[in-house]
């Protein structure tokens, strides 16, 4: 009889909380499920991110591309920068308060870059990488007197630099 009461109580509890228990057990099973080992940083990447190109390299590459546009001819190019490449690093920040928690008297903040150790040595973890921002572009070319060439060059420079067309000047070079 005592055993029968326990069985009925257990059945009632299972009916009431059985679904919650099953979900909880499934969550624990997923947490314990073995995963494939993660590759160490640097491996599996076919190409490392190239550091900031110099302005001269960028101008040379663009000059080479622009000279291939029909009717452009010889090209000279000058780019001006608003800002250079910026990198934002992951920070490990610690705040310390003194006094009551509701209204602290003073606090200190300590922050340091997160460093990742790998086969290539130690490197800071980069959160955001922003390329250079251009201020303007001047293109001097043989075909700069032709409206179609001006439009094609302006569109190409705008596509490569993100500049609006009012910040790009295309002119014909001296004969």
C-alpha atoms as a PDB file:
ATOM      1  CA  UNK A   1       0.000   0.000   0.000  1.00  0.00           C
ATOM      2  CA  UNK A   2       2.835   2.360   0.916  1.00  0.00           C
ATOM      3  CA  UNK A   3       4.570   1.469  -2.328  1.00  0.00           C
ATOM      4  CA  UNK A   4       1.361   2.162  -4.279  1.00  0.00           C
ATOM      5  CA  UNK A   5       1.119   5.720  -2.831  1.00  0.00           C
ATOM      6  CA  UNK A   6       4.741   6.419  -3.733  1.00  0.00           C
ATOM      7  CA  UNK A   7       4.165   5.197  -7.283  1.00  0.00           C
ATOM      8  CA  UNK A   8       1.081   7.387  -7.666  1.00  0.00           C
ATOM      9  CA  UNK A   9       2.946  10.427  -6.310  1.00  0.00           C
ATOM     10  CA  UNK A  10       5.876   9.754  -8.604  1.00  0.00           C
ATOM     11  CA  UNK A  11       3.478   9.377 -11.549  1.00  0.00           C
ATOM     12  CA  UNK A  12       1.792  12.679 -10.675  1.00  0.00           C
ATOM     13  CA  UNK A  13       5.157  14.463 -10.415  1.00  0.00           C
ATOM     14  CA  UNK A  14       6.279  12.949 -13.719  1.00  0.00           C
ATOM     15  CA  UNK A  15       3.062  14.102 -15.385  1.00  0.00           C
ATOM     16  CA  UNK A  16       3.516  17.610 -14.015  1.00  0.00           C
ATOM     17  CA  UNK A  17       7.306  18.092 -14.443  1.00  0.00           C
ATOM     18  CA  UNK A  18       8.258  15.370 -16.935  1.00  0.00           C
ATOM     19  CA  UNK A  19       8.620  17.688 -19.911  1.00  0.00           C
ATOM     20  CA  UNK A  20      10.809  20.120 -17.968  1.00  0.00           C
ATOM     21  CA  UNK A  21      13.022  17.254 -16.829  1.00  0.00           C
ATOM     22  CA  UNK A  22      13.366  15.938 -20.388  1.00  0.00           C
ATOM     23  CA  UNK A  23      14.373  19.384 -21.679  1.00  0.00           C
ATOM     24  CA  UNK A  24      16.873  19.752 -18.835  1.00  0.00           C
ATOM     25  CA  UNK A  25      18.389  16.326 -19.564  1.00  0.00           C
ATOM     26  CA  UNK A  26      18.613  17.136 -23.284  1.00  0.00           C
ATOM     27  CA  UNK A  27      20.447  20.396 -22.460  1.00  0.00           C
ATOM     28  CA  UNK A  28      22.953  18.592 -20.241  1.00  0.00           C
ATOM     29  CA  UNK A  29      23.484  15.950 -22.936  1.00  0.00           C
ATOM     30  CA  UNK A  30      24.170  18.654 -25.545  1.00  0.00           C
ATOM     31  CA  UNK A  31      26.660  20.370 -23.240  1.00  0.00           C
ATOM     32  CA  UNK A  32      28.522  17.099 -22.713  1.00  0.00           C
ATOM     33  CA  UNK A  33      28.385  16.095 -26.388  1.00  0.00           C
ATOM     34  CA  UNK A  34      31.958  15.838 -27.750  1.00  0.00           C
ATOM     35  CA  UNK A  35      32.910  18.363 -30.398  1.00  0.00           C
ATOM     36  CA  UNK A  36      35.708  18.397 -32.911  1.00  0.00           C
ATOM     37  CA  UNK A  37      38.832  20.045 -31.592  1.00  0.00           C
ATOM     38  CA  UNK A  38      39.199  23.608 -32.754  1.00  0.00           C
ATOM     39  CA  UNK A  39      42.120  24.432 -35.001  1.00  0.00           C
ATOM     40  CA  UNK A  40      44.746  26.638 -33.438  1.00  0.00           C
ATOM     41  CA  UNK A  41      44.739  30.225 -34.754  1.00  0.00           C
ATOM     42  CA  UNK A  42      46.701  30.656 -37.919  1.00  0.00           C
ATOM     43  CA  UNK A  43      46.071  27.147 -39.220  1.00  0.00           C
ATOM     44  CA  UNK A  44      43.360  26.683 -41.804  1.00  0.00           C
ATOM     45  CA  UNK A  45      43.745  30.241 -42.971  1.00  0.00           C
ATOM     46  CA  UNK A  46      45.013  30.167 -46.530  1.00  0.00           C
ATOM     47  CA  UNK A  47      46.223  33.719 -46.460  1.00  0.00           C
ATOM     48  CA  UNK A  48      47.092  36.036 -43.625  1.00  0.00           C
ATOM     49  CA  UNK A  49      45.567  39.477 -43.603  1.00  0.00           C
ATOM     50  CA  UNK A  50      47.946  41.869 -45.247  1.00  0.00           C
ATOM     51  CA  UNK A  51      49.022  44.862 -43.187  1.00  0.00           C
ATOM     52  CA  UNK A  52      48.245  48.383 -44.316  1.00  0.00           C
ATOM     53  CA  UNK A  53      49.274  49.123 -47.869  1.00  0.00           C
ATOM     54  CA  UNK A  54      51.233  52.259 -48.285  1.00  0.00           C
ATOM     55  CA  UNK A  55      49.616  55.102 -50.138  1.00  0.00           C
ATOM     56  CA  UNK A  56      52.236  54.819 -52.895  1.00  0.00           C
ATOM     57  CA  UNK A  57      51.402  51.132 -53.475  1.00  0.00           C
ATOM     58  CA  UNK A  58      47.687  51.930 -53.682  1.00  0.00           C
ATOM     59  CA  UNK A  59      48.288  54.779 -56.120  1.00  0.00           C
ATOM     60  CA  UNK A  60      50.493  52.561 -58.292  1.00  0.00           C
ATOM     61  CA  UNK A  61      47.941  49.767 -58.421  1.00  0.00           C
ATOM     62  CA  UNK A  62      45.141  52.205 -59.268  1.00  0.00           C
ATOM     63  CA  UNK A  63      47.293  53.949 -61.909  1.00  0.00           C
ATOM     64  CA  UNK A  64      47.956  50.585 -63.535  1.00  0.00           C
ATOM     65  CA  UNK A  65      44.238  49.724 -63.614  1.00  0.00           C
ATOM     66  CA  UNK A  66      43.112  53.159 -64.814  1.00  0.00           C
ATOM     67  CA  UNK A  67      45.604  53.134 -67.699  1.00  0.00           C
ATOM     68  CA  UNK A  68      43.835  50.063 -69.088  1.00  0.00           C
ATOM     69  CA  UNK A  69      40.529  51.923 -69.537  1.00  0.00           C
ATOM     70  CA  UNK A  70      39.877  52.658 -73.223  1.00  0.00           C
ATOM     71  CA  UNK A  71      40.948  56.177 -74.183  1.00  0.00           C
ATOM     72  CA  UNK A  72      42.741  57.031 -70.925  1.00  0.00           C
ATOM     73  CA  UNK A  73      46.334  56.728 -72.105  1.00  0.00           C
ATOM     74  CA  UNK A  74      49.116  57.711 -69.714  1.00  0.00           C
ATOM     75  CA  UNK A  75      47.986  58.321 -66.133  1.00  0.00           C
ATOM     76  CA  UNK A  76      49.288  60.162 -63.103  1.00  0.00           C
ATOM     77  CA  UNK A  77      47.306  59.768 -59.897  1.00  0.00           C
ATOM     78  CA  UNK A  78      47.372  61.457 -56.515  1.00  0.00           C
ATOM     79  CA  UNK A  79      45.287  60.387 -53.524  1.00  0.00           C
ATOM     80  CA  UNK A  80      44.998  62.353 -50.295  1.00  0.00           C
ATOM     81  CA  UNK A  81      44.082  60.743 -46.998  1.00  0.00           C
ATOM     82  CA  UNK A  82      41.590  61.901 -44.382  1.00  0.00           C
ATOM     83  CA  UNK A  83      42.738  59.147 -42.000  1.00  0.00           C
ATOM     84  CA  UNK A  84      44.962  56.099 -42.163  1.00  0.00           C
ATOM     85  CA  UNK A  85      44.070  52.484 -41.410  1.00  0.00           C
ATOM     86  CA  UNK A  86      42.759  51.918 -37.887  1.00  0.00           C
ATOM     87  CA  UNK A  87      42.639  48.742 -35.843  1.00  0.00           C
ATOM     88  CA  UNK A  88      40.569  48.284 -32.690  1.00  0.00           C
ATOM     89  CA  UNK A  89      41.843  45.660 -30.268  1.00  0.00           C
ATOM     90  CA  UNK A  90      39.824  43.502 -27.894  1.00  0.00           C
ATOM     91  CA  UNK A  91      40.150  44.806 -24.339  1.00  0.00           C
ATOM     92  CA  UNK A  92      39.982  43.015 -21.009  1.00  0.00           C
ATOM     93  CA  UNK A  93      38.474  45.607 -18.690  1.00  0.00           C
ATOM     94  CA  UNK A  94      38.161  45.436 -14.923  1.00  0.00           C
ATOM     95  CA  UNK A  95      36.209  47.949 -12.819  1.00  0.00           C
ATOM     96  CA  UNK A  96      36.777  48.298  -9.076  1.00  0.00           C
ATOM     97  CA  UNK A  97      34.379  50.219  -6.844  1.00  0.00           C
ATOM     98  CA  UNK A  98      34.881  51.505  -3.327  1.00  0.00           C
ATOM     99  CA  UNK A  99      32.057  52.414  -1.011  1.00  0.00           C
ATOM    100  CA  UNK A 100      28.419  51.376  -1.222  1.00  0.00           C
ATOM    101  CA  UNK A 101      27.318  49.536  -4.337  1.00  0.00           C
ATOM    102  CA  UNK A 102      24.313  51.781  -4.881  1.00  0.00           C
ATOM    103  CA  UNK A 103      26.391  54.980  -4.727  1.00  0.00           C
ATOM    104  CA  UNK A 104      30.116  54.196  -4.941  1.00  0.00           C
ATOM    105  CA  UNK A 105      32.570  56.767  -3.605  1.00  0.00           C
ATOM    106  CA  UNK A 106      35.212  56.087  -6.213  1.00  0.00           C
ATOM    107  CA  UNK A 107      36.018  53.593  -8.902  1.00  0.00           C
ATOM    108  CA  UNK A 108      39.062  52.578 -10.911  1.00  0.00           C
ATOM    109  CA  UNK A 109      39.153  51.097 -14.360  1.00  0.00           C
ATOM    110  CA  UNK A 110      41.939  48.898 -15.649  1.00  0.00           C
ATOM    111  CA  UNK A 111      42.058  47.834 -19.266  1.00  0.00           C
ATOM    112  CA  UNK A 112      44.567  45.860 -21.309  1.00  0.00           C
ATOM    113  CA  UNK A 113      44.646  44.345 -24.776  1.00  0.00           C
ATOM    114  CA  UNK A 114      43.800  40.648 -25.088  1.00  0.00           C
ATOM    115  CA  UNK A 115      46.850  38.760 -26.378  1.00  0.00           C
ATOM    116  CA  UNK A 116      46.557  35.504 -28.320  1.00  0.00           C
ATOM    117  CA  UNK A 117      49.497  33.090 -28.137  1.00  0.00           C
ATOM    118  CA  UNK A 118      50.085  30.869 -31.136  1.00  0.00           C
ATOM    119  CA  UNK A 119      52.752  29.236 -33.251  1.00  0.00           C
ATOM    120  CA  UNK A 120      53.680  32.594 -34.775  1.00  0.00           C
ATOM    121  CA  UNK A 121      54.162  34.233 -31.366  1.00  0.00           C
ATOM    122  CA  UNK A 122      51.888  36.556 -29.448  1.00  0.00           C
ATOM    123  CA  UNK A 123      49.465  38.897 -31.212  1.00  0.00           C
ATOM    124  CA  UNK A 124      46.697  41.179 -29.949  1.00  0.00           C
ATOM    125  CA  UNK A 125      43.144  40.151 -30.895  1.00  0.00           C
ATOM    126  CA  UNK A 126      41.741  42.570 -33.493  1.00  0.00           C
ATOM    127  CA  UNK A 127      38.031  43.346 -33.139  1.00  0.00           C
ATOM    128  CA  UNK A 128      37.646  45.804 -35.999  1.00  0.00           C
ATOM    129  CA  UNK A 129      39.849  46.753 -38.932  1.00  0.00           C
ATOM    130  CA  UNK A 130      38.981  49.970 -40.763  1.00  0.00           C
ATOM    131  CA  UNK A 131      40.767  50.862 -43.986  1.00  0.00           C
ATOM    132  CA  UNK A 132      42.059  54.309 -44.833  1.00  0.00           C
ATOM    133  CA  UNK A 133      39.591  57.118 -45.550  1.00  0.00           C
ATOM    134  CA  UNK A 134      40.390  59.160 -48.631  1.00  0.00           C
ATOM    135  CA  UNK A 135      39.890  62.913 -48.833  1.00  0.00           C
ATOM    136  CA  UNK A 136      40.222  63.344 -52.582  1.00  0.00           C
ATOM    137  CA  UNK A 137      41.749  62.146 -55.850  1.00  0.00           C
ATOM    138  CA  UNK A 138      43.379  63.880 -58.799  1.00  0.00           C
ATOM    139  CA  UNK A 139      43.788  61.987 -62.059  1.00  0.00           C
ATOM    140  CA  UNK A 140      45.848  63.532 -64.856  1.00  0.00           C
ATOM    141  CA  UNK A 141      45.639  61.528 -68.058  1.00  0.00           C
ATOM    142  CA  UNK A 142      46.036  61.863 -71.823  1.00  0.00           C
ATOM    143  CA  UNK A 143      42.324  61.251 -72.477  1.00  0.00           C
ATOM    144  CA  UNK A 144      41.164  63.577 -69.696  1.00  0.00           C
ATOM    145  CA  UNK A 145      39.619  66.014 -72.198  1.00  0.00           C
ATOM    146  CA  UNK A 146      37.035  63.440 -73.357  1.00  0.00           C
ATOM    147  CA  UNK A 147      33.754  63.424 -71.350  1.00  0.00           C
ATOM    148  CA  UNK A 148      33.314  59.627 -71.665  1.00  0.00           C
ATOM    149  CA  UNK A 149      36.834  59.012 -70.396  1.00  0.00           C
ATOM    150  CA  UNK A 150      36.293  61.444 -67.504  1.00  0.00           C
ATOM    151  CA  UNK A 151      33.115  59.628 -66.506  1.00  0.00           C
ATOM    152  CA  UNK A 152      34.715  56.172 -66.726  1.00  0.00           C
ATOM    153  CA  UNK A 153      37.761  57.253 -64.692  1.00  0.00           C
ATOM    154  CA  UNK A 154      35.618  59.041 -62.101  1.00  0.00           C
ATOM    155  CA  UNK A 155      33.420  55.962 -61.660  1.00  0.00           C
ATOM    156  CA  UNK A 156      36.453  53.678 -61.380  1.00  0.00           C
ATOM    157  CA  UNK A 157      38.177  55.862 -58.773  1.00  0.00           C
ATOM    158  CA  UNK A 158      34.915  56.187 -56.824  1.00  0.00           C
ATOM    159  CA  UNK A 159      34.486  52.402 -56.827  1.00  0.00           C
ATOM    160  CA  UNK A 160      38.055  51.813 -55.620  1.00  0.00           C
ATOM    161  CA  UNK A 161      38.238  54.509 -52.943  1.00  0.00           C
ATOM    162  CA  UNK A 162      34.659  55.127 -51.812  1.00  0.00           C
ATOM    163  CA  UNK A 163      34.979  58.803 -52.735  1.00  0.00           C
ATOM    164  CA  UNK A 164      31.997  60.674 -54.120  1.00  0.00           C
ATOM    165  CA  UNK A 165      32.371  62.086 -57.640  1.00  0.00           C
ATOM    166  CA  UNK A 166      32.675  65.671 -56.347  1.00  0.00           C
ATOM    167  CA  UNK A 167      35.952  64.704 -54.632  1.00  0.00           C
ATOM    168  CA  UNK A 168      37.481  63.249 -57.791  1.00  0.00           C
ATOM    169  CA  UNK A 169      39.018  65.498 -60.443  1.00  0.00           C
ATOM    170  CA  UNK A 170      40.009  64.178 -63.865  1.00  0.00           C
ATOM    171  CA  UNK A 171      41.969  66.494 -66.162  1.00  0.00           C
ATOM    172  CA  UNK A 172      43.843  66.240 -69.440  1.00  0.00           C
ATOM    173  CA  UNK A 173      47.626  66.300 -69.228  1.00  0.00           C
ATOM    174  CA  UNK A 174      49.812  68.695 -71.189  1.00  0.00           C
ATOM    175  CA  UNK A 175      50.671  67.673 -74.712  1.00  0.00           C
END
